Amino acid sequence: MNRIGFIASSILVLLVLLSSTLFVVDQRQFGVVYALGQIKQVITEPGLHFKLPPPLQNVSYIDKRLLTLSSLDTEPMLTAEKQRVVIDWYVRWRITDPQAYIRNVGLDESAGATQLNRVVRNAFQENINKRTVRDLISVRREALMADVQREVLAVVKGAKPWGVDVIDVRITRVDYVEAITESVYRRMEAERKRVANELRSTGFAEGEKIRADADRQREVIVANAYRDAQKIKGEGDAQAAAAYSEAFGRDAQFAQFYRSLEAYKQSFNKKSDVMVLDPSSDFFRAMQSAGTPAGNAPRR
């Protein structure tokens, strides 16, 4: 029984020792093997690897993927015309030499990000001081980012290489500081209001001009129509008078009778009318019968 326990314990110890000598390197990482605090080996290929058990050898891992560093502060920078602007940027970088990185930068990615942030910001400050706001928002921005990337690479690949590579530097936003932004917005608002008022005034003047011209045309059209109507009416009256004259000339007695009927029609248009006539008047001659004397004409 003791022998079985001894064998089981031995096997367990061997398994523990074996597991401490094996480690797996992921394809997204570098494996760094330390021997008594010194870098013994850098493993770049993924897979299962061997090392001595602790404390003789230890292993740590560093990310080998493409990393992104974004701007961490919003402190303004001065342009060539002394305008205070705030920029947002990001940097794409990766660790290429883990041994140099650990010696000159730090043991993990955060150490490199902190130092790289300082270098990138200084490079942006130096280059923005040489450029105007117009340069920052125009096509010259590409030249600015290329200059910043070149200066950052000169630092990280200088006398003490960091073991990193800077792939890309990009500006995502350029803006004035808040106080200047508010002032710019107020000026823009005032300018837009001025343009709007000017357009309204111009539109009102054009509208009045159009309305005045329309009124003038209406008066001319109405006057011309009235003139033509009076002309046509006069011609019609003349033709009617000629027709009446011709008809009355043919039969004078009928003409006298027709005129009397027209006079009666105009005189007796209301039942409440009262007329006092001279008995000797010829007004009712057309209504008198042959045997009725003029003095007995009806009275109304």
C-alpha atoms as a PDB file:
ATOM      1  CA  MET A   1       0.000   0.000   0.000  1.00  0.00           C
ATOM      2  CA  ASN A   2       2.856   2.362   0.879  1.00  0.00           C
ATOM      3  CA  ARG A   3       4.586   1.420  -2.352  1.00  0.00           C
ATOM      4  CA  ILE A   4       1.502   2.268  -4.409  1.00  0.00           C
ATOM      5  CA  GLY A   5       1.199   5.606  -2.650  1.00  0.00           C
ATOM      6  CA  PHE A   6       4.870   6.322  -3.282  1.00  0.00           C
ATOM      7  CA  ILE A   7       4.499   5.524  -6.980  1.00  0.00           C
ATOM      8  CA  ALA A   8       1.382   7.694  -7.274  1.00  0.00           C
ATOM      9  CA  SER A   9       3.102  10.570  -5.508  1.00  0.00           C
ATOM     10  CA  SER A  10       6.157  10.213  -7.742  1.00  0.00           C
ATOM     11  CA  ILE A  11       4.006  10.235 -10.840  1.00  0.00           C
ATOM     12  CA  LEU A  12       2.170  13.298  -9.593  1.00  0.00           C
ATOM     13  CA  VAL A  13       5.440  15.109  -8.901  1.00  0.00           C
ATOM     14  CA  LEU A  14       6.738  14.162 -12.338  1.00  0.00           C
ATOM     15  CA  LEU A  15       3.564  15.455 -13.937  1.00  0.00           C
ATOM     16  CA  VAL A  16       3.862  18.732 -12.057  1.00  0.00           C
ATOM     17  CA  LEU A  17       7.517  19.085 -13.083  1.00  0.00           C
ATOM     18  CA  LEU A  18       6.640  18.217 -16.654  1.00  0.00           C
ATOM     19  CA  SER A  19       3.797  20.703 -16.786  1.00  0.00           C
ATOM     20  CA  SER A  20       6.111  23.425 -15.429  1.00  0.00           C
ATOM     21  CA  THR A  21       8.533  22.785 -18.293  1.00  0.00           C
ATOM     22  CA  LEU A  22       5.859  23.004 -20.995  1.00  0.00           C
ATOM     23  CA  PHE A  23       4.216  26.213 -22.213  1.00  0.00           C
ATOM     24  CA  VAL A  24       2.116  27.222 -25.208  1.00  0.00           C
ATOM     25  CA  VAL A  25       2.787  30.313 -27.318  1.00  0.00           C
ATOM     26  CA  ASP A  26      -0.297  31.703 -29.022  1.00  0.00           C
ATOM     27  CA  GLN A  27      -0.002  32.888 -32.602  1.00  0.00           C
ATOM     28  CA  ARG A  28      -0.965  36.392 -31.416  1.00  0.00           C
ATOM     29  CA  GLN A  29       1.902  36.596 -28.908  1.00  0.00           C
ATOM     30  CA  PHE A  30       5.630  36.507 -28.424  1.00  0.00           C
ATOM     31  CA  GLY A  31       6.944  34.148 -25.732  1.00  0.00           C
ATOM     32  CA  VAL A  32       9.867  35.526 -23.702  1.00  0.00           C
ATOM     33  CA  VAL A  33      11.810  33.027 -21.607  1.00  0.00           C
ATOM     34  CA  TYR A  34      13.718  34.439 -18.599  1.00  0.00           C
ATOM     35  CA  ALA A  35      16.606  32.683 -16.846  1.00  0.00           C
ATOM     36  CA  LEU A  36      17.368  34.207 -13.456  1.00  0.00           C
ATOM     37  CA  GLY A  37      15.914  37.567 -14.524  1.00  0.00           C
ATOM     38  CA  GLN A  38      17.740  37.683 -17.867  1.00  0.00           C
ATOM     39  CA  ILE A  39      16.138  37.165 -21.276  1.00  0.00           C
ATOM     40  CA  LYS A  40      17.167  33.710 -22.365  1.00  0.00           C
ATOM     41  CA  GLN A  41      15.056  33.250 -25.491  1.00  0.00           C
ATOM     42  CA  VAL A  42      12.351  34.979 -27.534  1.00  0.00           C
ATOM     43  CA  ILE A  43       9.924  32.592 -29.183  1.00  0.00           C
ATOM     44  CA  THR A  44       8.123  33.978 -32.221  1.00  0.00           C
ATOM     45  CA  GLU A  45       6.542  30.790 -33.558  1.00  0.00           C
ATOM     46  CA  PRO A  46       3.284  29.522 -32.018  1.00  0.00           C
ATOM     47  CA  GLY A  47       3.047  26.038 -30.546  1.00  0.00           C
ATOM     48  CA  LEU A  48       4.172  23.911 -27.606  1.00  0.00           C
ATOM     49  CA  HIS A  49       7.627  24.688 -26.198  1.00  0.00           C
ATOM     50  CA  PHE A  50       9.903  23.527 -23.390  1.00  0.00           C
ATOM     51  CA  LYS A  51      11.829  25.348 -20.673  1.00  0.00           C
ATOM     52  CA  LEU A  52      13.408  24.606 -17.341  1.00  0.00           C
ATOM     53  CA  PRO A  53      11.090  24.523 -14.351  1.00  0.00           C
ATOM     54  CA  PRO A  54      10.804  27.595 -12.111  1.00  0.00           C
ATOM     55  CA  PRO A  55      12.689  29.293 -10.617  1.00  0.00           C
ATOM     56  CA  LEU A  56      15.356  28.390 -13.146  1.00  0.00           C
ATOM     57  CA  GLN A  57      13.315  29.715 -16.050  1.00  0.00           C
ATOM     58  CA  ASN A  58      10.067  31.672 -16.350  1.00  0.00           C
ATOM     59  CA  VAL A  59       8.042  32.785 -19.359  1.00  0.00           C
ATOM     60  CA  SER A  60       6.006  35.940 -20.130  1.00  0.00           C
ATOM     61  CA  TYR A  61       4.014  36.977 -23.152  1.00  0.00           C
ATOM     62  CA  ILE A  62       3.875  40.147 -25.249  1.00  0.00           C
ATOM     63  CA  ASP A  63       1.211  40.947 -27.820  1.00  0.00           C
ATOM     64  CA  LYS A  64       2.481  40.834 -31.399  1.00  0.00           C
ATOM     65  CA  ARG A  65      -0.721  42.127 -33.021  1.00  0.00           C
ATOM     66  CA  LEU A  66      -1.294  45.568 -34.499  1.00  0.00           C
ATOM     67  CA  LEU A  67      -2.176  47.880 -31.587  1.00  0.00           C
ATOM     68  CA  THR A  68      -4.083  51.162 -31.531  1.00  0.00           C
ATOM     69  CA  LEU A  69      -3.146  54.138 -29.382  1.00  0.00           C
ATOM     70  CA  SER A  70      -5.689  56.987 -29.195  1.00  0.00           C
ATOM     71  CA  SER A  71      -5.103  60.477 -27.828  1.00  0.00           C
ATOM     72  CA  LEU A  72      -5.598  60.569 -24.079  1.00  0.00           C
ATOM     73  CA  ASP A  73      -5.870  64.313 -23.342  1.00  0.00           C
ATOM     74  CA  THR A  74      -7.630  67.346 -24.774  1.00  0.00           C
ATOM     75  CA  GLU A  75      -5.075  70.005 -23.938  1.00  0.00           C
ATOM     76  CA  PRO A  76      -5.061  72.635 -26.716  1.00  0.00           C
ATOM     77  CA  MET A  77      -2.144  73.289 -29.076  1.00  0.00           C
ATOM     78  CA  LEU A  78      -1.087  76.558 -30.704  1.00  0.00           C
ATOM     79  CA  THR A  79      -1.052  76.959 -34.490  1.00  0.00           C
ATOM     80  CA  ALA A  80       1.218  79.248 -36.501  1.00  0.00           C
ATOM     81  CA  GLU A  81      -1.284  82.125 -36.135  1.00  0.00           C
ATOM     82  CA  LYS A  82      -1.503  81.512 -32.361  1.00  0.00           C
ATOM     83  CA  GLN A  83      -4.930  79.890 -32.487  1.00  0.00           C
ATOM     84  CA  ARG A  84      -5.659  77.321 -29.784  1.00  0.00           C
ATOM     85  CA  VAL A  85      -6.970  74.083 -31.259  1.00  0.00           C
ATOM     86  CA  VAL A  86      -7.776  70.641 -29.901  1.00  0.00           C
ATOM     87  CA  ILE A  87      -6.981  67.582 -32.007  1.00  0.00           C
ATOM     88  CA  ASP A  88      -7.905  63.929 -31.665  1.00  0.00           C
ATOM     89  CA  TRP A  89      -5.540  61.392 -33.183  1.00  0.00           C
ATOM     90  CA  TYR A  90      -4.697  57.715 -33.157  1.00  0.00           C
ATOM     91  CA  VAL A  91      -1.576  55.667 -33.907  1.00  0.00           C
ATOM     92  CA  ARG A  92      -1.357  52.116 -35.234  1.00  0.00           C
ATOM     93  CA  TRP A  93       1.779  50.372 -33.914  1.00  0.00           C
ATOM     94  CA  ARG A  94       3.185  46.948 -33.116  1.00  0.00           C
ATOM     95  CA  ILE A  95       6.049  45.361 -31.209  1.00  0.00           C
ATOM     96  CA  THR A  96       8.634  43.908 -33.610  1.00  0.00           C
ATOM     97  CA  ASP A  97      11.595  43.160 -31.307  1.00  0.00           C
ATOM     98  CA  PRO A  98      10.462  41.939 -27.868  1.00  0.00           C
ATOM     99  CA  GLN A  99      14.007  41.842 -26.494  1.00  0.00           C
ATOM    100  CA  ALA A 100      14.730  45.490 -27.329  1.00  0.00           C
ATOM    101  CA  TYR A 101      11.245  46.469 -26.200  1.00  0.00           C
ATOM    102  CA  ILE A 102      11.661  44.889 -22.757  1.00  0.00           C
ATOM    103  CA  ARG A 103      15.129  46.412 -22.276  1.00  0.00           C
ATOM    104  CA  ASN A 104      14.292  49.969 -23.376  1.00  0.00           C
ATOM    105  CA  VAL A 105      10.527  50.377 -22.811  1.00  0.00           C
ATOM    106  CA  GLY A 106       8.870  47.966 -20.388  1.00  0.00           C
ATOM    107  CA  LEU A 107       7.493  44.537 -19.714  1.00  0.00           C
ATOM    108  CA  ASP A 108       4.013  45.005 -21.228  1.00  0.00           C
ATOM    109  CA  GLU A 109       2.125  46.916 -23.910  1.00  0.00           C
ATOM    110  CA  SER A 110       0.847  49.624 -21.576  1.00  0.00           C
ATOM    111  CA  ALA A 111       4.395  50.848 -20.907  1.00  0.00           C
ATOM    112  CA  GLY A 112       4.987  51.336 -24.613  1.00  0.00           C
ATOM    113  CA  ALA A 113       1.616  53.047 -25.085  1.00  0.00           C
ATOM    114  CA  THR A 114       2.401  55.556 -22.322  1.00  0.00           C
ATOM    115  CA  GLN A 115       5.772  56.531 -23.751  1.00  0.00           C
ATOM    116  CA  LEU A 116       4.527  56.504 -27.322  1.00  0.00           C
ATOM    117  CA  ASN A 117       1.674  58.842 -26.378  1.00  0.00           C
ATOM    118  CA  ARG A 118       4.198  61.397 -25.073  1.00  0.00           C
ATOM    119  CA  VAL A 119       6.338  61.170 -28.218  1.00  0.00           C
ATOM    120  CA  VAL A 120       3.385  61.486 -30.583  1.00  0.00           C
ATOM    121  CA  ARG A 121       1.947  64.461 -28.736  1.00  0.00           C
ATOM    122  CA  ASN A 122       5.295  66.282 -28.819  1.00  0.00           C
ATOM    123  CA  ALA A 123       5.591  65.601 -32.537  1.00  0.00           C
ATOM    124  CA  PHE A 124       2.083  66.935 -33.165  1.00  0.00           C
ATOM    125  CA  GLN A 125       2.773  70.053 -31.080  1.00  0.00           C
ATOM    126  CA  GLU A 126       5.978  70.777 -32.988  1.00  0.00           C
ATOM    127  CA  ASN A 127       4.364  70.359 -36.400  1.00  0.00           C
ATOM    128  CA  ILE A 128       1.124  72.193 -35.577  1.00  0.00           C
ATOM    129  CA  ASN A 129       3.158  75.205 -34.436  1.00  0.00           C
ATOM    130  CA  LYS A 130       4.404  75.476 -38.025  1.00  0.00           C
ATOM    131  CA  ARG A 131       0.983  75.275 -39.673  1.00  0.00           C
ATOM    132  CA  THR A 132      -2.191  77.333 -39.823  1.00  0.00           C
ATOM    133  CA  VAL A 133      -5.725  76.215 -39.071  1.00  0.00           C
ATOM    134  CA  ARG A 134      -6.441  76.152 -42.811  1.00  0.00           C
ATOM    135  CA  ASP A 135      -3.583  73.664 -43.253  1.00  0.00           C
ATOM    136  CA  LEU A 136      -5.063  71.415 -40.563  1.00  0.00           C
ATOM    137  CA  ILE A 137      -8.460  71.156 -42.247  1.00  0.00           C
ATOM    138  CA  SER A 138      -7.286  71.058 -45.886  1.00  0.00           C
ATOM    139  CA  VAL A 139      -5.472  68.464 -47.985  1.00  0.00           C
ATOM    140  CA  ARG A 140      -2.219  69.516 -46.276  1.00  0.00           C
ATOM    141  CA  ARG A 141      -3.316  67.476 -43.282  1.00  0.00           C
ATOM    142  CA  GLU A 142      -1.843  64.409 -45.003  1.00  0.00           C
ATOM    143  CA  ALA A 143       1.584  66.076 -45.044  1.00  0.00           C
ATOM    144  CA  LEU A 144       1.231  66.886 -41.339  1.00  0.00           C
ATOM    145  CA  MET A 145       0.460  63.272 -40.438  1.00  0.00           C
ATOM    146  CA  ALA A 146       3.364  62.031 -42.570  1.00  0.00           C
ATOM    147  CA  ASP A 147       5.753  64.435 -40.820  1.00  0.00           C
ATOM    148  CA  VAL A 148       4.533  63.321 -37.397  1.00  0.00           C
ATOM    149  CA  GLN A 149       4.966  59.660 -38.303  1.00  0.00           C
ATOM    150  CA  ARG A 150       8.484  60.331 -39.581  1.00  0.00           C
ATOM    151  CA  GLU A 151       9.485  62.119 -36.362  1.00  0.00           C
ATOM    152  CA  VAL A 152       7.988  59.396 -34.157  1.00  0.00           C
ATOM    153  CA  LEU A 153       9.852  56.711 -36.112  1.00  0.00           C
ATOM    154  CA  ALA A 154      13.083  58.689 -35.686  1.00  0.00           C
ATOM    155  CA  VAL A 155      12.610  58.568 -31.902  1.00  0.00           C
ATOM    156  CA  VAL A 156      11.581  54.912 -31.559  1.00  0.00           C
ATOM    157  CA  LYS A 157      14.325  53.749 -33.926  1.00  0.00           C
ATOM    158  CA  GLY A 158      17.015  56.059 -32.567  1.00  0.00           C
ATOM    159  CA  ALA A 159      20.094  55.361 -30.454  1.00  0.00           C
ATOM    160  CA  LYS A 160      18.089  53.084 -28.154  1.00  0.00           C
ATOM    161  CA  PRO A 161      15.534  51.342 -30.376  1.00  0.00           C
ATOM    162  CA  TRP A 162      12.219  50.595 -28.765  1.00  0.00           C
ATOM    163  CA  GLY A 163      11.685  47.462 -30.785  1.00  0.00           C
ATOM    164  CA  VAL A 164       8.397  48.824 -32.168  1.00  0.00           C
ATOM    165  CA  ASP A 165       7.166  49.971 -35.560  1.00  0.00           C
ATOM    166  CA  VAL A 166       4.695  52.827 -36.131  1.00  0.00           C
ATOM    167  CA  ILE A 167       2.434  51.829 -39.025  1.00  0.00           C
ATOM    168  CA  ASP A 168       0.136  54.835 -39.313  1.00  0.00           C
ATOM    169  CA  VAL A 169      -0.666  58.187 -37.682  1.00  0.00           C
ATOM    170  CA  ARG A 170      -4.105  59.745 -38.246  1.00  0.00           C
ATOM    171  CA  ILE A 171      -5.973  62.874 -37.131  1.00  0.00           C
ATOM    172  CA  THR A 172      -9.665  62.242 -36.454  1.00  0.00           C
ATOM    173  CA  ARG A 173     -10.779  65.710 -35.319  1.00  0.00           C
ATOM    174  CA  VAL A 174      -9.529  69.301 -35.355  1.00  0.00           C
ATOM    175  CA  ASP A 175     -11.541  71.853 -33.399  1.00  0.00           C
ATOM    176  CA  TYR A 176     -11.166  75.141 -31.600  1.00  0.00           C
ATOM    177  CA  VAL A 177     -11.226  75.226 -27.829  1.00  0.00           C
ATOM    178  CA  GLU A 178     -14.695  75.604 -26.335  1.00  0.00           C
ATOM    179  CA  ALA A 179     -14.537  79.375 -25.764  1.00  0.00           C
ATOM    180  CA  ILE A 180     -13.415  80.072 -29.327  1.00  0.00           C
ATOM    181  CA  THR A 181     -15.923  77.562 -30.704  1.00  0.00           C
ATOM    182  CA  GLU A 182     -18.787  79.403 -29.017  1.00  0.00           C
ATOM    183  CA  SER A 183     -17.532  82.720 -30.424  1.00  0.00           C
ATOM    184  CA  VAL A 184     -17.242  81.217 -33.906  1.00  0.00           C
ATOM    185  CA  TYR A 185     -20.750  79.769 -33.657  1.00  0.00           C
ATOM    186  CA  ARG A 186     -22.149  83.161 -32.606  1.00  0.00           C
ATOM    187  CA  ARG A 187     -20.428  84.883 -35.524  1.00  0.00           C
ATOM    188  CA  MET A 188     -21.718  82.227 -37.908  1.00  0.00           C
ATOM    189  CA  GLU A 189     -25.236  82.611 -36.501  1.00  0.00           C
ATOM    190  CA  ALA A 190     -25.094  86.409 -36.840  1.00  0.00           C
ATOM    191  CA  GLU A 191     -23.839  86.121 -40.413  1.00  0.00           C
ATOM    192  CA  ARG A 192     -26.585  83.641 -41.326  1.00  0.00           C
ATOM    193  CA  LYS A 193     -29.204  85.949 -39.798  1.00  0.00           C
ATOM    194  CA  ARG A 194     -27.831  88.887 -41.756  1.00  0.00           C
ATOM    195  CA  VAL A 195     -27.965  86.930 -45.006  1.00  0.00           C
ATOM    196  CA  ALA A 196     -31.488  85.707 -44.169  1.00  0.00           C
ATOM    197  CA  ASN A 197     -32.705  89.262 -43.453  1.00  0.00           C
ATOM    198  CA  GLU A 198     -31.115  90.495 -46.662  1.00  0.00           C
ATOM    199  CA  LEU A 199     -32.825  87.735 -48.629  1.00  0.00           C
ATOM    200  CA  ARG A 200     -36.166  88.535 -46.958  1.00  0.00           C
ATOM    201  CA  SER A 201     -35.796  92.253 -47.795  1.00  0.00           C
ATOM    202  CA  THR A 202     -34.884  91.457 -51.385  1.00  0.00           C
ATOM    203  CA  GLY A 203     -37.814  89.051 -51.659  1.00  0.00           C
ATOM    204  CA  PHE A 204     -40.235  91.599 -50.166  1.00  0.00           C
ATOM    205  CA  ALA A 205     -39.036  94.280 -52.612  1.00  0.00           C
ATOM    206  CA  GLU A 206     -39.367  91.889 -55.537  1.00  0.00           C
ATOM    207  CA  GLY A 207     -42.830  90.896 -54.330  1.00  0.00           C
ATOM    208  CA  GLU A 208     -43.949  94.532 -54.134  1.00  0.00           C
ATOM    209  CA  LYS A 209     -42.571  95.142 -57.608  1.00  0.00           C
ATOM    210  CA  ILE A 210     -44.416  92.121 -58.995  1.00  0.00           C
ATOM    211  CA  ARG A 211     -47.660  93.140 -57.248  1.00  0.00           C
ATOM    212  CA  ALA A 212     -47.395  96.730 -58.533  1.00  0.00           C
ATOM    213  CA  ASP A 213     -46.786  95.506 -62.067  1.00  0.00           C
ATOM    214  CA  ALA A 214     -49.739  93.104 -61.771  1.00  0.00           C
ATOM    215  CA  ASP A 215     -52.004  95.928 -60.523  1.00  0.00           C
ATOM    216  CA  ARG A 216     -50.889  98.141 -63.401  1.00  0.00           C
ATOM    217  CA  GLN A 217     -51.572  95.411 -65.927  1.00  0.00           C
ATOM    218  CA  ARG A 218     -54.974  94.782 -64.332  1.00  0.00           C
ATOM    219  CA  GLU A 219     -55.898  98.478 -64.607  1.00  0.00           C
ATOM    220  CA  VAL A 220     -54.807  98.556 -68.243  1.00  0.00           C
ATOM    221  CA  ILE A 221     -56.744  95.382 -69.033  1.00  0.00           C
ATOM    222  CA  VAL A 222     -59.891  96.679 -67.265  1.00  0.00           C
ATOM    223  CA  ALA A 223     -59.633 100.057 -69.017  1.00  0.00           C
ATOM    224  CA  ASN A 224     -59.171  98.437 -72.408  1.00  0.00           C
ATOM    225  CA  ALA A 225     -62.085  96.077 -71.727  1.00  0.00           C
ATOM    226  CA  TYR A 226     -64.324  98.998 -70.650  1.00  0.00           C
ATOM    227  CA  ARG A 227     -63.343 100.943 -73.751  1.00  0.00           C
ATOM    228  CA  ASP A 228     -64.101  98.000 -76.010  1.00  0.00           C
ATOM    229  CA  ALA A 229     -67.391  97.357 -74.184  1.00  0.00           C
ATOM    230  CA  GLN A 230     -68.481 100.976 -74.553  1.00  0.00           C
ATOM    231  CA  LYS A 231     -67.506 100.921 -78.188  1.00  0.00           C
ATOM    232  CA  ILE A 232     -69.505  97.739 -78.801  1.00  0.00           C
ATOM    233  CA  LYS A 233     -72.426  99.113 -76.790  1.00  0.00           C
ATOM    234  CA  GLY A 234     -72.382 102.331 -78.798  1.00  0.00           C
ATOM    235  CA  GLU A 235     -72.317 100.432 -82.034  1.00  0.00           C
ATOM    236  CA  GLY A 236     -75.213  98.291 -80.806  1.00  0.00           C
ATOM    237  CA  ASP A 237     -77.221 101.348 -79.734  1.00  0.00           C
ATOM    238  CA  ALA A 238     -76.578 102.952 -83.096  1.00  0.00           C
ATOM    239  CA  GLN A 239     -77.736  99.830 -84.902  1.00  0.00           C
ATOM    240  CA  ALA A 240     -80.782  99.587 -82.624  1.00  0.00           C
ATOM    241  CA  ALA A 241     -81.635 103.257 -83.198  1.00  0.00           C
ATOM    242  CA  ALA A 242     -81.282 102.791 -86.932  1.00  0.00           C
ATOM    243  CA  ALA A 243     -83.534  99.746 -86.784  1.00  0.00           C
ATOM    244  CA  TYR A 244     -86.107 101.638 -84.668  1.00  0.00           C
ATOM    245  CA  SER A 245     -85.966 104.624 -87.005  1.00  0.00           C
ATOM    246  CA  GLU A 246     -86.467 102.448 -90.037  1.00  0.00           C
ATOM    247  CA  ALA A 247     -89.355 100.583 -88.376  1.00  0.00           C
ATOM    248  CA  PHE A 248     -91.004 103.762 -87.104  1.00  0.00           C
ATOM    249  CA  GLY A 249     -90.642 105.393 -90.524  1.00  0.00           C
ATOM    250  CA  ARG A 250     -92.661 102.661 -92.109  1.00  0.00           C
ATOM    251  CA  ASP A 251     -95.705 103.027 -89.753  1.00  0.00           C
ATOM    252  CA  ALA A 252     -95.869 106.247 -87.701  1.00  0.00           C
ATOM    253  CA  GLN A 253     -99.088 105.250 -85.903  1.00  0.00           C
ATOM    254  CA  PHE A 254     -97.568 101.940 -84.741  1.00  0.00           C
ATOM    255  CA  ALA A 255     -94.480 103.784 -83.619  1.00  0.00           C
ATOM    256  CA  GLN A 256     -96.567 106.148 -81.533  1.00  0.00           C
ATOM    257  CA  PHE A 257     -98.418 103.205 -80.036  1.00  0.00           C
ATOM    258  CA  TYR A 258     -95.163 101.332 -79.193  1.00  0.00           C
ATOM    259  CA  ARG A 259     -93.678 104.391 -77.496  1.00  0.00           C
ATOM    260  CA  SER A 260     -96.829 104.832 -75.420  1.00  0.00           C
ATOM    261  CA  LEU A 261     -96.594 101.208 -74.246  1.00  0.00           C
ATOM    262  CA  GLU A 262     -92.963 101.728 -73.260  1.00  0.00           C
ATOM    263  CA  ALA A 263     -93.976 104.857 -71.321  1.00  0.00           C
ATOM    264  CA  TYR A 264     -96.742 102.953 -69.536  1.00  0.00           C
ATOM    265  CA  LYS A 265     -94.305 100.182 -68.626  1.00  0.00           C
ATOM    266  CA  GLN A 266     -91.891 102.642 -67.069  1.00  0.00           C
ATOM    267  CA  SER A 267     -94.617 104.596 -65.242  1.00  0.00           C
ATOM    268  CA  PHE A 268     -96.671 101.740 -63.795  1.00  0.00           C
ATOM    269  CA  ASN A 269     -93.889  99.574 -62.344  1.00  0.00           C
ATOM    270  CA  LYS A 270     -95.203  99.770 -58.734  1.00  0.00           C
ATOM    271  CA  LYS A 271     -98.723  99.306 -57.376  1.00  0.00           C
ATOM    272  CA  SER A 272     -98.308 102.098 -54.849  1.00  0.00           C
ATOM    273  CA  ASP A 273     -97.556 104.758 -57.486  1.00  0.00           C
ATOM    274  CA  VAL A 274    -100.053 107.646 -57.707  1.00  0.00           C
ATOM    275  CA  MET A 275    -100.212 109.788 -60.845  1.00  0.00           C
ATOM    276  CA  VAL A 276    -102.181 113.002 -61.366  1.00  0.00           C
ATOM    277  CA  LEU A 277    -102.595 113.902 -65.032  1.00  0.00           C
ATOM    278  CA  ASP A 278    -104.245 116.689 -66.951  1.00  0.00           C
ATOM    279  CA  PRO A 279    -107.453 115.390 -68.568  1.00  0.00           C
ATOM    280  CA  SER A 280    -106.476 117.095 -71.773  1.00  0.00           C
ATOM    281  CA  SER A 281    -103.139 115.196 -71.816  1.00  0.00           C
ATOM    282  CA  ASP A 282    -102.479 112.759 -74.625  1.00  0.00           C
ATOM    283  CA  PHE A 283    -100.613 110.346 -72.246  1.00  0.00           C
ATOM    284  CA  PHE A 284    -103.458 107.762 -72.273  1.00  0.00           C
ATOM    285  CA  ARG A 285    -104.456 108.258 -75.893  1.00  0.00           C
ATOM    286  CA  ALA A 286    -103.278 104.784 -76.789  1.00  0.00           C
ATOM    287  CA  MET A 287    -105.539 103.295 -74.107  1.00  0.00           C
ATOM    288  CA  GLN A 288    -108.653 105.237 -75.050  1.00  0.00           C
ATOM    289  CA  SER A 289    -111.261 103.502 -77.164  1.00  0.00           C
ATOM    290  CA  ALA A 290    -112.708 105.195 -80.158  1.00  0.00           C
ATOM    291  CA  GLY A 291    -115.944 106.103 -78.254  1.00  0.00           C
ATOM    292  CA  THR A 292    -114.285 107.352 -75.039  1.00  0.00           C
ATOM    293  CA  PRO A 293    -113.786 111.123 -74.784  1.00  0.00           C
ATOM    294  CA  ALA A 294    -110.374 112.402 -73.699  1.00  0.00           C
ATOM    295  CA  GLY A 295    -111.823 113.940 -70.523  1.00  0.00           C
ATOM    296  CA  ASN A 296    -113.061 110.518 -69.249  1.00  0.00           C
ATOM    297  CA  ALA A 297    -109.624 108.902 -69.353  1.00  0.00           C
ATOM    298  CA  PRO A 298    -108.964 106.596 -66.426  1.00  0.00           C
ATOM    299  CA  ARG A 299    -107.183 108.125 -63.429  1.00  0.00           C
ATOM    300  CA  ARG A 300    -104.760 106.312 -61.167  1.00  0.00           C
END
